[in-house]
Structures are given as C-alpha cells and as structure tokens.
Amino acid sequence: MSHLVIEGGHVITPHEERFTNVWVDTGRIAAVADNHPRAEDPQGLSRLDARGCYVTPGLIDLQVNGDPSCNLWGDPTKAEFDKMRSSLLRAGVTGFLPTLITDEIKHLRKNVELIEGWIASASEPSNEPLARPLGIHLEGPCLSPEKPGVHPRQWVI
C-alpha cells in the first residue's frame, strides 16, 4: 500500500482539530487536506473510510509494565512480548517503553538483557504490524526506602 487516503476522520494534530483527509505516500504523511494532487490520479491509491473515527499521530506510552498476556516483572517470553506489542498497536500506541520495577538485581539484569534483544529484533521486518519498543524504563531499584510505593522493600537500594 504505497498511497493511501484516510478519508473523513476527526483529525487531531498538534495544531488543529477538524474533519478532513490524511494523505499518505509510501508510509509518510504527505498532507492533511480535503484534496491532494493524488486525488487526480487514483491509480494505486487505497482508501480507508475514517468517518466516525478519530485520526491522530501514534501514541507513545512511557510506562508499560505489561498487559494480561505479558508480565514484564516475571519471566516473559518473546511471543508474550509480541502479543503485548500487537495489543498496544490496536489501542493506538505506536511506541512504548517496557518498564521493569524493583527486583533482585540478577533477575532485573536478566529481563533487561531479554528486552534489549527484543528491541534489537523489533527493527526487523514483521508480517504483523506491532508497537515499537523505544528503550527500557527502569523504575528502581534506586528509590527512597521511606516511600517505595509498590516496590518490594527488600530490593530497594
């Protein structure tokens, strides 16, 4: 799908909100407008009816501890991680930070290494579109021992 028009949606940009079309050429937004030169030459143009829908830039979630299919605090698998990435994308999240909370350093390091490997492989082509991990968010272990929140006190440094 090299040329696409997302038609009639409630388009929200950092500058405005209005009902219009979004014109996409080879994966990049070419215009946010009712008309575009591509409309004159519809060959190879795919259409997506977005009436009744919001059209926004992809969302970025800065703290994802997991979801029902993937517990990043435990021992997640690549299949569970990718299922979570698919779920995030369906919710409009195109980029996210997998988040690890305070834990035993050995387990924390193991999960960091796992996720680093998955981040590296996330740039490889996939048959299924997935949200992209943008890095890793470590929520601990260096926290105040007086106010650790949900973090296990025995692992707070």
C-alpha atoms as a PDB file:
ATOM      1  CA  MET A   1       0.000   0.000   0.000  1.00  0.00           C
ATOM      2  CA  SER A   2       2.205   2.828  -1.233  1.00  0.00           C
ATOM      3  CA  HIS A   3      -0.517   5.509  -1.477  1.00  0.00           C
ATOM      4  CA  LEU A   4      -3.370   5.820   0.979  1.00  0.00           C
ATOM      5  CA  VAL A   5      -6.038   8.369   1.811  1.00  0.00           C
ATOM      6  CA  ILE A   6      -7.668   8.169   5.238  1.00  0.00           C
ATOM      7  CA  GLU A   7     -10.987   9.823   4.497  1.00  0.00           C
ATOM      8  CA  GLY A   8     -13.312  11.975   6.585  1.00  0.00           C
ATOM      9  CA  GLY A   9     -11.978  11.305  10.049  1.00  0.00           C
ATOM     10  CA  HIS A  10     -11.850  13.675  13.005  1.00  0.00           C
ATOM     11  CA  VAL A  11      -8.171  14.545  12.525  1.00  0.00           C
ATOM     12  CA  ILE A  12      -6.265  15.753  15.586  1.00  0.00           C
ATOM     13  CA  THR A  13      -2.821  17.291  15.112  1.00  0.00           C
ATOM     14  CA  PRO A  14      -0.714  19.402  17.476  1.00  0.00           C
ATOM     15  CA  HIS A  15      -2.063  22.469  15.625  1.00  0.00           C
ATOM     16  CA  GLU A  16      -5.744  21.776  14.977  1.00  0.00           C
ATOM     17  CA  GLU A  17      -8.787  19.519  15.035  1.00  0.00           C
ATOM     18  CA  ARG A  18     -11.037  19.120  12.014  1.00  0.00           C
ATOM     19  CA  PHE A  19     -12.839  16.641   9.804  1.00  0.00           C
ATOM     20  CA  THR A  20     -10.628  16.087   6.763  1.00  0.00           C
ATOM     21  CA  ASN A  21      -8.444  13.573   4.921  1.00  0.00           C
ATOM     22  CA  VAL A  22      -4.925  12.362   5.622  1.00  0.00           C
ATOM     23  CA  TRP A  23      -2.888  11.572   2.500  1.00  0.00           C
ATOM     24  CA  VAL A  24      -0.097   9.026   2.973  1.00  0.00           C
ATOM     25  CA  ASP A  25       2.594   8.315   0.381  1.00  0.00           C
ATOM     26  CA  THR A  26       4.970   5.380   0.957  1.00  0.00           C
ATOM     27  CA  GLY A  27       4.379   5.316   4.692  1.00  0.00           C
ATOM     28  CA  ARG A  28       4.677   9.055   5.346  1.00  0.00           C
ATOM     29  CA  ILE A  29       2.013  11.695   5.762  1.00  0.00           C
ATOM     30  CA  ALA A  30       2.039  13.806   2.601  1.00  0.00           C
ATOM     31  CA  ALA A  31      -0.830  16.154   3.502  1.00  0.00           C
ATOM     32  CA  VAL A  32      -3.706  16.775   5.866  1.00  0.00           C
ATOM     33  CA  ALA A  33      -6.254  18.288   3.491  1.00  0.00           C
ATOM     34  CA  ASP A  34      -9.580  17.708   1.794  1.00  0.00           C
ATOM     35  CA  ASN A  35      -7.865  17.426  -1.606  1.00  0.00           C
ATOM     36  CA  HIS A  36      -4.430  16.433  -2.817  1.00  0.00           C
ATOM     37  CA  PRO A  37      -2.847  16.027  -6.278  1.00  0.00           C
ATOM     38  CA  ARG A  38      -3.008  12.249  -5.748  1.00  0.00           C
ATOM     39  CA  ALA A  39      -6.834  12.526  -5.993  1.00  0.00           C
ATOM     40  CA  GLU A  40      -6.420  13.434  -9.674  1.00  0.00           C
ATOM     41  CA  ASP A  41      -4.558  10.149 -10.324  1.00  0.00           C
ATOM     42  CA  PRO A  42      -6.258   7.462  -8.190  1.00  0.00           C
ATOM     43  CA  GLN A  43      -4.232   4.586  -9.658  1.00  0.00           C
ATOM     44  CA  GLY A  44      -2.558   2.732  -6.798  1.00  0.00           C
ATOM     45  CA  LEU A  45      -4.497   4.794  -4.226  1.00  0.00           C
ATOM     46  CA  SER A  46      -6.078   2.840  -1.375  1.00  0.00           C
ATOM     47  CA  ARG A  47      -8.897   4.384   0.624  1.00  0.00           C
ATOM     48  CA  LEU A  48      -9.744   3.966   4.296  1.00  0.00           C
ATOM     49  CA  ASP A  49     -13.073   5.337   5.497  1.00  0.00           C
ATOM     50  CA  ALA A  50     -12.453   7.008   8.876  1.00  0.00           C
ATOM     51  CA  ARG A  51     -15.832   8.740   9.258  1.00  0.00           C
ATOM     52  CA  GLY A  52     -16.897   8.488  12.873  1.00  0.00           C
ATOM     53  CA  CYS A  53     -13.307   7.821  13.970  1.00  0.00           C
ATOM     54  CA  TYR A  54     -10.505   9.883  15.431  1.00  0.00           C
ATOM     55  CA  VAL A  55      -7.298  10.077  13.399  1.00  0.00           C
ATOM     56  CA  THR A  56      -4.240  11.020  15.457  1.00  0.00           C
ATOM     57  CA  PRO A  57      -0.492  10.608  15.399  1.00  0.00           C
ATOM     58  CA  GLY A  58       0.648   7.355  17.006  1.00  0.00           C
ATOM     59  CA  LEU A  59       0.669   7.494  20.779  1.00  0.00           C
ATOM     60  CA  ILE A  60       3.763   6.853  22.916  1.00  0.00           C
ATOM     61  CA  ASP A  61       3.338   5.119  26.275  1.00  0.00           C
ATOM     62  CA  LEU A  62       6.218   5.928  28.623  1.00  0.00           C
ATOM     63  CA  GLN A  63       5.483   3.177  31.178  1.00  0.00           C
ATOM     64  CA  VAL A  64       4.273  -0.273  30.153  1.00  0.00           C
ATOM     65  CA  ASN A  65       4.665  -2.881  32.895  1.00  0.00           C
ATOM     66  CA  GLY A  66       2.904  -5.473  30.762  1.00  0.00           C
ATOM     67  CA  ASP A  67      -0.639  -6.486  29.963  1.00  0.00           C
ATOM     68  CA  PRO A  68      -2.819  -9.587  30.520  1.00  0.00           C
ATOM     69  CA  SER A  69      -0.685 -11.525  28.020  1.00  0.00           C
ATOM     70  CA  CYS A  70       2.768 -10.358  29.171  1.00  0.00           C
ATOM     71  CA  ASN A  71       4.088  -9.739  32.680  1.00  0.00           C
ATOM     72  CA  LEU A  72       7.355  -7.833  32.326  1.00  0.00           C
ATOM     73  CA  TRP A  73       8.009  -8.273  36.072  1.00  0.00           C
ATOM     74  CA  GLY A  74       8.097 -12.043  35.708  1.00  0.00           C
ATOM     75  CA  ASP A  75       9.739 -14.172  33.052  1.00  0.00           C
ATOM     76  CA  PRO A  76       8.136 -13.021  29.796  1.00  0.00           C
ATOM     77  CA  THR A  77       8.646 -14.824  26.510  1.00  0.00           C
ATOM     78  CA  LYS A  78       9.188 -13.224  23.100  1.00  0.00           C
ATOM     79  CA  ALA A  79       5.748 -14.498  21.986  1.00  0.00           C
ATOM     80  CA  GLU A  80       4.101 -12.829  25.018  1.00  0.00           C
ATOM     81  CA  PHE A  81       6.035  -9.613  24.371  1.00  0.00           C
ATOM     82  CA  ASP A  82       4.943  -9.535  20.720  1.00  0.00           C
ATOM     83  CA  LYS A  83       1.323 -10.249  21.687  1.00  0.00           C
ATOM     84  CA  MET A  84       1.507  -7.214  24.006  1.00  0.00           C
ATOM     85  CA  ARG A  85       3.028  -5.132  21.178  1.00  0.00           C
ATOM     86  CA  SER A  86       0.100  -6.103  18.947  1.00  0.00           C
ATOM     87  CA  SER A  87      -2.396  -5.187  21.672  1.00  0.00           C
ATOM     88  CA  LEU A  88      -0.709  -1.806  22.216  1.00  0.00           C
ATOM     89  CA  LEU A  89      -0.864  -1.005  18.496  1.00  0.00           C
ATOM     90  CA  ARG A  90      -4.581  -1.827  18.366  1.00  0.00           C
ATOM     91  CA  ALA A  91      -5.018   0.758  21.161  1.00  0.00           C
ATOM     92  CA  GLY A  92      -3.199   3.438  19.106  1.00  0.00           C
ATOM     93  CA  VAL A  93       0.216   3.103  20.781  1.00  0.00           C
ATOM     94  CA  THR A  94       2.971   3.020  18.157  1.00  0.00           C
ATOM     95  CA  GLY A  95       5.935   3.379  20.535  1.00  0.00           C
ATOM     96  CA  PHE A  96       6.425   2.457  24.183  1.00  0.00           C
ATOM     97  CA  LEU A  97       8.914   1.958  26.998  1.00  0.00           C
ATOM     98  CA  PRO A  98       8.798  -1.518  28.548  1.00  0.00           C
ATOM     99  CA  THR A  99       9.049  -0.883  32.299  1.00  0.00           C
ATOM    100  CA  LEU A 100      10.749  -3.036  34.907  1.00  0.00           C
ATOM    101  CA  ILE A 101      10.193  -2.386  38.593  1.00  0.00           C
ATOM    102  CA  THR A 102      12.495  -3.022  41.508  1.00  0.00           C
ATOM    103  CA  ASP A 103      13.546  -6.642  41.808  1.00  0.00           C
ATOM    104  CA  GLU A 104      16.533  -8.778  42.687  1.00  0.00           C
ATOM    105  CA  ILE A 105      19.434  -7.360  40.626  1.00  0.00           C
ATOM    106  CA  LYS A 106      20.134 -10.727  38.949  1.00  0.00           C
ATOM    107  CA  HIS A 107      16.512 -11.018  37.738  1.00  0.00           C
ATOM    108  CA  LEU A 108      16.398  -7.354  36.719  1.00  0.00           C
ATOM    109  CA  ARG A 109      19.564  -7.761  34.629  1.00  0.00           C
ATOM    110  CA  LYS A 110      18.186 -10.925  33.000  1.00  0.00           C
ATOM    111  CA  ASN A 111      15.000  -9.120  31.939  1.00  0.00           C
ATOM    112  CA  VAL A 112      16.953  -6.071  30.747  1.00  0.00           C
ATOM    113  CA  GLU A 113      19.054  -8.341  28.514  1.00  0.00           C
ATOM    114  CA  LEU A 114      15.940 -10.122  27.201  1.00  0.00           C
ATOM    115  CA  ILE A 115      14.199  -6.865  26.379  1.00  0.00           C
ATOM    116  CA  GLU A 116      17.356  -5.375  24.809  1.00  0.00           C
ATOM    117  CA  GLY A 117      17.435  -8.360  22.442  1.00  0.00           C
ATOM    118  CA  TRP A 118      13.767  -7.927  21.604  1.00  0.00           C
ATOM    119  CA  ILE A 119      14.291  -4.216  20.964  1.00  0.00           C
ATOM    120  CA  ALA A 120      17.101  -5.054  18.528  1.00  0.00           C
ATOM    121  CA  SER A 121      14.887  -7.568  16.705  1.00  0.00           C
ATOM    122  CA  ALA A 122      11.932  -5.120  16.653  1.00  0.00           C
ATOM    123  CA  SER A 123      13.563  -3.264  13.758  1.00  0.00           C
ATOM    124  CA  GLU A 124      13.409  -6.409  11.608  1.00  0.00           C
ATOM    125  CA  PRO A 125      10.505  -6.683   9.131  1.00  0.00           C
ATOM    126  CA  SER A 126       7.446  -8.442  10.505  1.00  0.00           C
ATOM    127  CA  ASN A 127       4.345  -9.935   8.904  1.00  0.00           C
ATOM    128  CA  GLU A 128       2.259  -8.223  11.583  1.00  0.00           C
ATOM    129  CA  PRO A 129       2.458  -4.518  12.455  1.00  0.00           C
ATOM    130  CA  LEU A 130       3.490  -4.090  16.086  1.00  0.00           C
ATOM    131  CA  ALA A 131       4.132  -1.204  18.503  1.00  0.00           C
ATOM    132  CA  ARG A 132       7.846  -0.418  18.705  1.00  0.00           C
ATOM    133  CA  PRO A 133       9.770  -0.580  21.985  1.00  0.00           C
ATOM    134  CA  LEU A 134      11.799   2.641  22.202  1.00  0.00           C
ATOM    135  CA  GLY A 135      14.103   1.725  25.084  1.00  0.00           C
ATOM    136  CA  ILE A 136      13.713   0.433  28.635  1.00  0.00           C
ATOM    137  CA  HIS A 137      12.268   2.277  31.628  1.00  0.00           C
ATOM    138  CA  LEU A 138      13.777   1.121  34.926  1.00  0.00           C
ATOM    139  CA  GLU A 139      11.534   2.075  37.805  1.00  0.00           C
ATOM    140  CA  GLY A 140      14.001   1.271  40.542  1.00  0.00           C
ATOM    141  CA  PRO A 141      15.836  -0.174  42.377  1.00  0.00           C
ATOM    142  CA  CYS A 142      17.297   3.191  43.446  1.00  0.00           C
ATOM    143  CA  LEU A 143      14.311   4.555  45.358  1.00  0.00           C
ATOM    144  CA  SER A 144      13.581   6.137  48.706  1.00  0.00           C
ATOM    145  CA  PRO A 145      13.280   3.366  51.305  1.00  0.00           C
ATOM    146  CA  GLU A 146      10.761   5.561  53.171  1.00  0.00           C
ATOM    147  CA  LYS A 147       8.354   5.699  50.203  1.00  0.00           C
ATOM    148  CA  PRO A 148       8.898   2.672  47.962  1.00  0.00           C
ATOM    149  CA  GLY A 149       5.280   2.526  46.790  1.00  0.00           C
ATOM    150  CA  VAL A 150       4.530  -0.930  45.321  1.00  0.00           C
ATOM    151  CA  HIS A 151       8.222  -1.779  45.038  1.00  0.00           C
ATOM    152  CA  PRO A 152       9.415  -4.666  47.228  1.00  0.00           C
ATOM    153  CA  ARG A 153      11.368  -3.082  50.109  1.00  0.00           C
ATOM    154  CA  GLN A 154      13.962  -5.881  50.195  1.00  0.00           C
ATOM    155  CA  TRP A 155      15.245  -4.896  46.718  1.00  0.00           C
ATOM    156  CA  VAL A 156      15.247  -1.085  47.172  1.00  0.00           C
ATOM    157  CA  ILE A 157      18.747   0.372  47.121  1.00  0.00           C
END
